[in-house]
Amino acid sequence: MRIVIAGAGEVGSHLAKLLSREEQDIVLIDRDVSKLAPLDANYNLMTKVGAPTSFSDLKDAGVASCDLFIAVTPFENTNLISCEIAKKLGARKTVARIDNYEFLGGDSREFFASHGVDHMIYPEMLAAQEICTALRRPWVRHWFELHHGELIVVGVKLRDNASLIGRRLRDITYGQHNYHVSAIRRRHETIIPRGDDEILEDDILYFTTTREYIDEIRSICGKKDYRIRKVMIMGGSRIAVRLAHMASDDYDLTIIDDNMDVCRRLPEKCSGCNVHIIHGDARNNDVLAEENIESMDAFVALTDFSETNILACLTAKEFHVNKTIAEVENIQFIAEAEVLNIGTVINKKLLASSKIFQLLLDVDESSSKFMALADAEVAELEVRPDSKITRAPVMDLKLTRDMTLAGLIRDGKGMLIDGRTRIQAGDHVVVFCLAGSLHRVEKLFL
């Protein structure tokens, strides 16, 4: 597949790196040669210095024959215009990163679609949705539903009270088919586990299961469920505004920001929301104590600085706040943040990448799902007739160690996969794989 990406900023560069590992034909275009040079030297992709809104530059980048054009510059208008141009030149499908929530409305979507913008991605809204999920299920690190909850992927961090610690995978899965341990996140790496892998304290385990066994997973992980009511948000960012609109009916929200101008504008941006706005520096323990942080059930750090958000969540833990959530935009900090026990980590680049990867999966977009972790991927793939994966039971497929088949949807019903399972045409299969191996997995489904 030929993919042209306009914008070599954080999102564009991250996408280019991910897609180049998947053996896609990638062209990355940007005005700034200094952003392109490191990528050109170290990754399997082509770069071009040029303007995303230049007809000649887009033609030179091969937009006329591309399957997907992705515009992720920092400027919304540039992204929308470049998609319109790319579509006119012959791009099969276009995606624009936007900053205006109103553009996602029905009438706006139709307008932009008529002008060549097929899909729009608002990373801040994706982040707010992820935070809402974390607040509804505070005992998990990740919660990922497929086919309206027929299959669920749950990421849980294990403490010393978990009954699974010190046991080998084969010992806890023998004779039971209630869940599938699909991946283990251990400090700086993700492991696709096998039967002889031992589970350790502070591992993050990714379970694939069905809804009726969620309580069992919570029990064996030593977790307790609790309800969140009061939430303090550090930083009046666009994510905070979207979160206020999504969650103010369900939670008592307090937004604290040290910029008075931001605080003055927040009431208008959060019009109709039940939210308290405080001017203050949440990095100051005295300010936090004055605003009754000890009475909060959750603390969400959404400043522009990953380090500040991580430290703020550690401070909130010292005040005995049960659930903390941090926006960590530096991907290299994610593993450290998980080790430091700051709770749920939100990263807009990974969320945007998940959404765009979903567009690449050759299935009905309304049912397909994709989740990008720091160094692994979870995809739902539809099985085609006579594909390689249908030719033998799973135990005889000789899958490589960097992938595992976790579960499937058959006739609308979720079920787990074991060695005796035989995949059938029409199944939707949930696959865990290490970063860079999705293209090999997809070949099994052809």
Protein backbone atom coordinates (compact mmCIF):
# COMPACT_ATOMS: atom_id res chain seq x y z
CA MET A 1 0.00 0.00 0.00
CA ARG A 2 1.29 3.47 -0.94
CA ILE A 3 0.82 6.04 1.82
CA VAL A 4 1.73 9.73 1.71
CA ILE A 5 2.01 11.57 5.03
CA ALA A 6 2.02 15.38 5.09
CA GLY A 7 3.70 16.76 8.20
CA ALA A 8 6.81 15.41 9.93
CA GLY A 9 5.85 16.63 13.39
CA GLU A 10 5.36 14.29 16.35
CA VAL A 11 2.26 12.56 15.01
CA GLY A 12 3.46 12.35 11.40
CA SER A 13 6.92 11.09 12.32
CA HIS A 14 5.53 8.48 14.70
CA LEU A 15 3.08 7.27 12.08
CA ALA A 16 5.81 7.08 9.44
CA LYS A 17 7.98 4.98 11.76
CA LEU A 18 5.15 2.59 12.58
CA LEU A 19 4.01 2.19 9.00
CA SER A 20 7.54 1.73 7.66
CA ARG A 21 7.95 -1.27 9.98
CA GLU A 22 4.84 -2.79 8.42
CA GLU A 23 6.48 -2.86 4.97
CA GLN A 24 4.22 -0.13 3.61
CA ASP A 25 5.38 2.17 0.81
CA ILE A 26 5.71 5.45 2.75
CA VAL A 27 6.42 8.98 1.55
CA LEU A 28 6.76 11.70 4.19
CA ILE A 29 6.57 15.34 3.07
CA ASP A 30 7.43 18.45 5.10
CA ARG A 31 8.86 21.93 4.56
CA ASP A 32 11.55 21.44 7.22
CA VAL A 33 14.46 19.31 5.99
CA SER A 34 15.83 19.01 9.54
CA LYS A 35 12.75 17.00 10.57
CA LEU A 36 13.07 14.67 7.60
CA ALA A 37 16.79 13.90 7.70
CA PRO A 38 16.80 11.57 10.77
CA LEU A 39 13.85 9.60 9.41
CA ASP A 40 15.34 9.31 5.93
CA ALA A 41 18.55 7.87 7.36
CA ASN A 42 17.08 5.39 9.84
CA TYR A 43 13.77 4.11 8.47
CA ASN A 44 12.49 2.34 5.39
CA LEU A 45 10.65 5.27 3.84
CA MET A 46 11.07 8.13 1.38
CA THR A 47 11.09 11.79 2.36
CA LYS A 48 10.40 14.89 0.33
CA VAL A 49 10.94 18.54 1.18
CA GLY A 50 7.83 20.38 0.07
CA ALA A 51 4.61 22.15 1.01
CA PRO A 52 1.50 20.04 1.80
CA THR A 53 -0.67 22.55 -0.09
CA SER A 54 1.49 22.68 -3.23
CA PHE A 55 0.03 20.89 -6.25
CA SER A 56 3.46 20.30 -7.74
CA ASP A 57 4.99 19.02 -4.49
CA LEU A 58 2.10 16.62 -3.92
CA LYS A 59 2.34 15.37 -7.50
CA ASP A 60 6.08 14.77 -7.04
CA ALA A 61 5.32 12.83 -3.84
CA GLY A 62 3.12 10.45 -5.84
CA VAL A 63 -0.21 11.47 -4.35
CA ALA A 64 -2.03 10.67 -7.61
CA SER A 65 -1.40 6.95 -7.13
CA CYS A 66 -1.50 6.71 -3.33
CA ASP A 67 -3.98 4.53 -1.44
CA LEU A 68 -4.01 6.77 1.62
CA PHE A 69 -3.10 10.44 2.15
CA ILE A 70 -2.67 11.52 5.78
CA ALA A 71 -2.39 15.22 6.66
CA VAL A 72 -1.11 15.71 10.22
CA THR A 73 0.64 19.09 10.17
CA PRO A 74 0.10 21.33 13.24
CA PHE A 75 -2.30 23.50 11.20
CA GLU A 76 -5.88 22.38 10.74
CA ASN A 77 -6.55 24.50 7.64
CA THR A 78 -3.42 23.17 5.95
CA ASN A 79 -4.54 19.60 6.64
CA LEU A 80 -8.02 20.12 5.23
CA ILE A 81 -6.81 21.95 2.12
CA SER A 82 -4.06 19.43 1.42
CA CYS A 83 -6.60 16.57 1.64
CA GLU A 84 -8.86 18.36 -0.83
CA ILE A 85 -5.94 18.79 -3.24
CA ALA A 86 -4.78 15.19 -2.76
CA LYS A 87 -8.26 13.86 -3.49
CA LYS A 88 -8.49 15.95 -6.68
CA LEU A 89 -5.09 14.60 -7.75
CA GLY A 90 -6.27 11.01 -7.34
CA ALA A 91 -5.65 9.88 -3.74
CA ARG A 92 -7.96 6.96 -2.96
CA LYS A 93 -8.61 7.89 0.67
CA THR A 94 -7.70 10.99 2.74
CA VAL A 95 -7.39 11.64 6.48
CA ALA A 96 -6.99 15.05 8.16
CA ARG A 97 -5.99 15.86 11.71
CA ILE A 98 -8.27 18.62 13.05
CA ASP A 99 -8.52 20.82 16.12
CA ASN A 100 -12.19 21.83 15.90
CA TYR A 101 -14.71 19.49 17.50
CA GLU A 102 -17.58 21.01 15.51
CA PHE A 103 -16.14 19.58 12.30
CA LEU A 104 -17.05 16.07 13.50
CA GLY A 105 -20.79 16.83 13.42
CA GLY A 106 -22.99 15.20 10.77
CA ASP A 107 -23.47 18.24 8.53
CA SER A 108 -19.80 19.20 8.79
CA ARG A 109 -18.68 15.67 7.95
CA GLU A 110 -20.83 15.68 4.81
CA PHE A 111 -19.47 19.07 3.80
CA PHE A 112 -15.83 18.04 4.15
CA ALA A 113 -16.47 14.65 2.51
CA SER A 114 -17.86 16.49 -0.52
CA HIS A 115 -14.60 18.46 -0.61
CA GLY A 116 -12.37 15.38 -0.56
CA VAL A 117 -11.77 14.85 3.18
CA ASP A 118 -12.83 11.25 3.84
CA HIS A 119 -11.90 11.02 7.51
CA MET A 120 -11.08 13.51 10.27
CA ILE A 121 -9.16 12.70 13.43
CA TYR A 122 -9.31 14.88 16.53
CA PRO A 123 -6.67 13.42 18.89
CA GLU A 124 -7.86 15.42 21.87
CA MET A 125 -11.31 13.86 21.61
CA LEU A 126 -9.77 10.38 21.38
CA ALA A 127 -7.78 11.17 24.53
CA ALA A 128 -10.88 12.38 26.38
CA GLN A 129 -12.74 9.20 25.41
CA GLU A 130 -9.83 7.12 26.73
CA ILE A 131 -9.89 9.03 30.03
CA CYS A 132 -13.63 8.44 30.38
CA THR A 133 -13.03 4.71 29.92
CA ALA A 134 -10.32 4.80 32.61
CA LEU A 135 -12.61 6.63 35.05
CA ARG A 136 -15.43 4.13 34.53
CA ARG A 137 -13.10 1.18 35.20
CA PRO A 138 -10.42 2.48 37.59
CA TRP A 139 -8.87 -0.91 38.41
CA VAL A 140 -7.60 -1.49 34.84
CA ARG A 141 -4.82 0.15 32.80
CA HIS A 142 -6.42 -0.59 29.41
CA TRP A 143 -9.94 -1.55 28.38
CA PHE A 144 -10.61 -2.38 24.76
CA GLU A 145 -13.99 -3.69 23.51
CA LEU A 146 -14.68 -5.46 20.23
CA HIS A 147 -18.04 -6.03 18.60
CA HIS A 148 -20.04 -4.23 21.28
CA GLY A 149 -18.26 -6.02 24.10
CA GLU A 150 -18.45 -9.59 22.75
CA LEU A 151 -14.68 -9.74 23.35
CA ILE A 152 -12.80 -7.52 25.80
CA VAL A 153 -9.07 -6.86 26.15
CA VAL A 154 -8.12 -5.85 29.70
CA GLY A 155 -4.70 -4.58 30.78
CA VAL A 156 -4.06 -4.95 34.53
CA LYS A 157 -0.96 -4.15 36.59
CA LEU A 158 -0.19 -6.80 39.21
CA ARG A 159 0.69 -5.92 42.79
CA ASP A 160 2.05 -8.22 45.49
CA ASN A 161 -1.49 -9.35 46.43
CA ALA A 162 -2.23 -10.93 43.05
CA SER A 163 -2.57 -14.71 43.20
CA LEU A 164 -0.97 -15.03 39.75
CA ILE A 165 2.49 -13.83 40.81
CA GLY A 166 5.22 -16.46 40.69
CA ARG A 167 3.15 -18.88 38.61
CA ARG A 168 3.86 -20.04 35.09
CA LEU A 169 1.35 -19.34 32.41
CA ARG A 170 0.67 -23.00 31.66
CA ASP A 171 -0.24 -23.57 35.33
CA ILE A 172 -2.91 -20.86 35.46
CA THR A 173 -4.47 -21.60 32.06
CA TYR A 174 -4.53 -25.41 32.23
CA GLY A 175 -8.10 -26.67 32.09
CA GLN A 176 -9.76 -23.24 32.01
CA HIS A 177 -11.04 -21.29 29.04
CA ASN A 178 -12.32 -18.16 30.73
CA TYR A 179 -9.50 -15.88 29.61
CA HIS A 180 -6.39 -15.77 27.45
CA VAL A 181 -3.21 -14.05 28.70
CA SER A 182 -2.30 -12.45 25.38
CA ALA A 183 0.64 -10.22 26.29
CA ILE A 184 2.80 -9.18 29.23
CA ARG A 185 4.24 -5.69 29.57
CA ARG A 186 7.41 -5.93 31.70
CA ARG A 187 9.27 -2.68 32.30
CA HIS A 188 10.56 -1.65 28.85
CA GLU A 189 9.30 -4.50 26.71
CA THR A 190 6.15 -6.32 25.66
CA ILE A 191 6.25 -10.12 25.70
CA ILE A 192 4.00 -12.42 23.70
CA PRO A 193 3.92 -15.16 26.34
CA ARG A 194 4.28 -18.91 26.09
CA GLY A 195 3.44 -21.59 28.63
CA ASP A 196 6.81 -21.50 30.43
CA ASP A 197 6.74 -17.71 31.06
CA GLU A 198 6.53 -16.80 34.75
CA ILE A 199 4.32 -13.93 35.92
CA LEU A 200 6.09 -11.35 38.07
CA GLU A 201 5.07 -8.53 40.37
CA ASP A 202 4.56 -5.21 38.51
CA ASP A 203 3.84 -6.97 35.22
CA ILE A 204 0.99 -5.54 33.20
CA LEU A 205 -1.02 -8.50 31.91
CA TYR A 206 -3.28 -8.18 28.87
CA PHE A 207 -6.21 -10.58 29.12
CA THR A 208 -8.64 -11.38 26.32
CA THR A 209 -11.97 -12.54 27.71
CA THR A 210 -15.73 -12.21 27.54
CA ARG A 211 -17.79 -9.94 29.75
CA GLU A 212 -19.01 -12.63 32.16
CA TYR A 213 -15.44 -13.36 33.35
CA ILE A 214 -14.34 -9.80 34.09
CA ASP A 215 -15.03 -10.24 37.82
CA GLU A 216 -12.88 -13.39 37.88
CA ILE A 217 -9.97 -11.52 36.28
CA ARG A 218 -10.31 -8.70 38.78
CA SER A 219 -10.25 -11.21 41.64
CA ILE A 220 -7.15 -13.14 40.52
CA CYS A 221 -5.34 -9.83 39.96
CA GLY A 222 -6.11 -8.75 43.53
CA LYS A 223 -8.09 -5.69 42.46
CA LYS A 224 -11.15 -4.05 43.99
CA ASP A 225 -13.76 -2.17 42.02
CA TYR A 226 -14.78 1.26 43.24
CA ARG A 227 -16.78 4.17 41.95
CA ILE A 228 -15.20 7.50 41.07
CA ARG A 229 -17.22 10.60 41.84
CA LYS A 230 -14.83 13.55 42.32
CA VAL A 231 -12.11 14.27 39.76
CA MET A 232 -9.41 16.97 39.74
CA ILE A 233 -7.96 17.91 36.34
CA MET A 234 -4.61 19.67 36.11
CA GLY A 235 -4.42 21.87 33.01
CA GLY A 236 -7.19 23.58 31.04
CA SER A 237 -6.20 22.03 27.72
CA ARG A 238 -8.41 21.02 24.79
CA ILE A 239 -8.50 17.52 26.24
CA ALA A 240 -9.79 18.94 29.53
CA VAL A 241 -12.52 20.86 27.70
CA ARG A 242 -13.64 17.77 25.77
CA LEU A 243 -13.52 15.73 28.98
CA ALA A 244 -15.72 18.31 30.70
CA HIS A 245 -18.34 18.00 27.96
CA MET A 246 -18.22 14.20 28.01
CA ALA A 247 -18.04 13.52 31.73
CA SER A 248 -19.46 16.46 33.74
CA ASP A 249 -22.86 14.75 34.11
CA ASP A 250 -21.23 11.69 35.69
CA TYR A 251 -18.51 13.26 37.85
CA ASP A 252 -17.88 16.31 40.00
CA LEU A 253 -15.06 17.90 37.97
CA THR A 254 -12.52 20.50 39.10
CA ILE A 255 -10.11 22.03 36.56
CA ILE A 256 -7.07 23.80 37.99
CA ASP A 257 -4.70 25.87 35.83
CA ASP A 258 -1.96 28.36 36.69
CA ASN A 259 -2.71 30.63 33.70
CA MET A 260 -5.34 33.25 34.50
CA ASP A 261 -6.21 33.82 30.83
CA VAL A 262 -6.92 30.11 30.42
CA CYS A 263 -9.14 30.16 33.51
CA ARG A 264 -11.07 33.15 32.17
CA ARG A 265 -11.78 31.39 28.87
CA LEU A 266 -12.71 28.01 30.33
CA PRO A 267 -16.27 28.94 31.48
CA GLU A 268 -17.23 29.77 27.90
CA LYS A 269 -15.51 26.69 26.48
CA CYS A 270 -17.17 24.50 29.11
CA SER A 271 -20.57 26.15 28.81
CA GLY A 272 -23.31 23.88 30.07
CA CYS A 273 -20.88 21.65 31.98
CA ASN A 274 -20.92 21.07 35.73
CA VAL A 275 -17.28 21.95 36.37
CA HIS A 276 -15.40 24.02 38.97
CA ILE A 277 -12.55 26.17 37.63
CA ILE A 278 -9.66 27.09 39.93
CA HIS A 279 -6.74 29.41 39.25
CA GLY A 280 -3.69 27.89 40.90
CA ASP A 281 -0.52 25.89 40.44
CA ALA A 282 -1.25 22.18 40.91
CA ARG A 283 2.49 21.54 41.27
CA ASN A 284 2.28 23.26 44.65
CA ASN A 285 1.33 20.86 47.45
CA ASP A 286 -0.19 23.65 49.52
CA VAL A 287 -2.50 24.57 46.65
CA LEU A 288 -3.53 20.94 46.25
CA ALA A 289 -4.22 20.61 49.94
CA GLU A 290 -6.22 23.85 49.92
CA GLU A 291 -8.35 22.49 47.07
CA ASN A 292 -9.03 19.29 49.05
CA ILE A 293 -7.14 16.87 46.84
CA GLU A 294 -7.40 14.25 49.58
CA SER A 295 -11.15 14.11 48.95
CA MET A 296 -10.66 13.40 45.24
CA ASP A 297 -11.23 9.94 43.79
CA ALA A 298 -9.16 10.64 40.66
CA PHE A 299 -6.48 13.06 39.46
CA VAL A 300 -5.91 13.71 35.74
CA ALA A 301 -2.76 15.59 34.63
CA LEU A 302 -3.15 17.22 31.20
CA THR A 303 -0.48 19.91 30.93
CA ASP A 304 1.74 20.22 27.84
CA PHE A 305 4.70 18.68 29.67
CA SER A 306 5.00 14.92 30.20
CA GLU A 307 7.44 15.30 33.10
CA THR A 308 5.08 17.67 34.92
CA ASN A 309 2.16 15.29 34.46
CA ILE A 310 4.14 12.30 35.74
CA LEU A 311 5.38 14.13 38.83
CA ALA A 312 1.93 15.58 39.52
CA CYS A 313 0.40 12.10 39.49
CA LEU A 314 3.09 10.86 41.89
CA THR A 315 2.22 13.75 44.18
CA ALA A 316 -1.48 12.92 43.96
CA LYS A 317 -0.65 9.34 45.00
CA GLU A 318 1.07 10.74 48.08
CA PHE A 319 -2.23 12.45 48.91
CA HIS A 320 -3.88 8.99 48.67
CA VAL A 321 -5.79 9.62 45.45
CA ASN A 322 -6.74 6.14 44.19
CA LYS A 323 -6.81 6.74 40.44
CA THR A 324 -4.30 8.88 38.57
CA ILE A 325 -4.14 9.49 34.81
CA ALA A 326 -1.31 11.28 33.01
CA GLU A 327 -0.96 12.55 29.47
CA VAL A 328 2.53 11.42 28.45
CA GLU A 329 3.33 12.55 24.93
CA ASN A 330 6.98 11.46 24.96
CA ILE A 331 6.70 7.80 23.98
CA GLN A 332 10.11 7.05 25.49
CA PHE A 333 8.70 8.12 28.88
CA ILE A 334 5.77 5.68 28.82
CA ALA A 335 7.70 2.69 30.16
CA GLU A 336 9.20 4.80 32.96
CA ALA A 337 5.78 6.20 33.80
CA GLU A 338 4.37 2.68 34.10
CA VAL A 339 7.24 1.60 36.34
CA LEU A 340 6.70 4.67 38.55
CA ASN A 341 3.10 3.59 39.15
CA ILE A 342 1.32 6.70 37.98
CA GLY A 343 -1.74 4.79 36.81
CA THR A 344 -3.18 5.12 33.31
CA VAL A 345 -1.02 6.75 30.62
CA ILE A 346 -2.65 8.65 27.76
CA ASN A 347 -0.70 9.32 24.56
CA LYS A 348 -2.37 11.15 21.66
CA LYS A 349 0.12 9.85 19.10
CA LEU A 350 -0.69 6.23 19.93
CA LEU A 351 -4.41 6.97 19.92
CA ALA A 352 -4.21 8.74 16.56
CA SER A 353 -2.05 5.91 15.21
CA SER A 354 -4.62 3.36 16.35
CA LYS A 355 -7.36 5.25 14.55
CA ILE A 356 -5.38 5.56 11.33
CA PHE A 357 -4.24 1.94 11.45
CA GLN A 358 -7.89 1.01 11.70
CA LEU A 359 -8.42 2.70 8.33
CA LEU A 360 -5.70 0.50 6.86
CA LEU A 361 -7.39 -2.75 7.87
CA ASP A 362 -9.28 -4.07 4.89
CA VAL A 363 -12.53 -4.68 6.74
CA ASP A 364 -15.71 -2.83 7.58
CA GLU A 365 -14.52 0.15 9.56
CA SER A 366 -17.58 0.13 11.80
CA SER A 367 -16.55 -3.23 13.27
CA SER A 368 -12.76 -3.27 12.89
CA LYS A 369 -10.59 -2.22 15.79
CA PHE A 370 -6.94 -1.49 16.36
CA MET A 371 -4.97 -0.53 19.47
CA ALA A 372 -1.34 0.60 19.31
CA LEU A 373 0.73 0.05 22.45
CA ALA A 374 4.23 1.44 22.89
CA ASP A 375 5.86 -1.52 21.13
CA ALA A 376 2.99 -3.86 20.28
CA GLU A 377 -0.28 -3.91 18.37
CA VAL A 378 -3.72 -5.41 18.85
CA ALA A 379 -5.81 -5.85 15.72
CA GLU A 380 -9.11 -7.39 14.75
CA LEU A 381 -8.86 -9.00 11.31
CA GLU A 382 -11.60 -10.60 9.24
CA VAL A 383 -10.88 -14.05 7.81
CA ARG A 384 -11.37 -14.37 4.06
CA PRO A 385 -12.45 -17.59 2.32
CA ASP A 386 -9.57 -20.00 1.67
CA SER A 387 -7.09 -17.87 3.63
CA LYS A 388 -4.00 -19.59 5.03
CA ILE A 389 -5.22 -19.34 8.61
CA THR A 390 -8.21 -21.63 7.88
CA ARG A 391 -6.14 -24.57 6.64
CA ALA A 392 -5.31 -26.20 9.99
CA PRO A 393 -6.02 -25.99 13.74
CA VAL A 394 -4.14 -23.18 15.48
CA MET A 395 -1.61 -25.59 17.01
CA ASP A 396 -0.53 -26.64 13.51
CA LEU A 397 -0.23 -23.16 12.00
CA LYS A 398 3.36 -22.73 13.23
CA LEU A 399 2.85 -19.13 14.31
CA THR A 400 6.00 -17.16 15.11
CA ARG A 401 6.76 -16.12 18.69
CA ASP A 402 5.97 -12.47 18.02
CA MET A 403 2.23 -13.04 17.62
CA THR A 404 -0.70 -14.82 19.26
CA LEU A 405 -4.34 -15.37 18.34
CA ALA A 406 -6.35 -14.36 21.40
CA GLY A 407 -10.04 -14.66 20.53
CA LEU A 408 -12.58 -14.46 17.75
CA ILE A 409 -16.08 -13.36 16.90
CA ARG A 410 -18.14 -16.02 15.10
CA ASP A 411 -21.77 -15.40 14.14
CA GLY A 412 -21.77 -12.36 16.42
CA LYS A 413 -20.59 -14.30 19.49
CA GLY A 414 -17.21 -13.91 21.21
CA MET A 415 -15.08 -16.94 22.02
CA LEU A 416 -11.48 -17.61 23.05
CA ILE A 417 -8.92 -19.46 20.93
CA ASP A 418 -6.82 -22.44 21.98
CA GLY A 419 -4.58 -24.86 20.06
CA ARG A 420 -7.51 -26.98 18.88
CA THR A 421 -9.50 -24.06 17.49
CA ARG A 422 -9.97 -24.07 13.73
CA ILE A 423 -10.45 -20.57 12.27
CA GLN A 424 -13.27 -20.24 9.75
CA ALA A 425 -13.99 -17.81 6.92
CA GLY A 426 -15.99 -14.87 8.21
CA ASP A 427 -14.49 -15.02 11.72
CA HIS A 428 -13.16 -11.77 13.18
CA VAL A 429 -9.92 -12.71 14.95
CA VAL A 430 -8.17 -10.69 17.67
CA VAL A 431 -4.40 -10.76 17.15
CA PHE A 432 -1.64 -9.55 19.50
CA CYS A 433 1.71 -8.96 17.82
CA LEU A 434 4.92 -7.09 18.46
CA ALA A 435 5.44 -3.83 16.59
CA GLY A 436 6.50 -4.37 13.00
CA SER A 437 4.98 -7.82 12.57
CA LEU A 438 1.40 -6.95 11.64
CA HIS A 439 2.17 -7.29 7.92
CA ARG A 440 3.18 -10.93 8.50
CA VAL A 441 -0.01 -11.55 10.44
CA GLU A 442 -2.15 -10.06 7.68
CA LYS A 443 -0.64 -12.46 5.14
CA LEU A 444 -2.19 -15.34 7.07
CA PHE A 445 -5.62 -13.83 6.46
CA LEU A 446 -5.20 -13.50 2.67
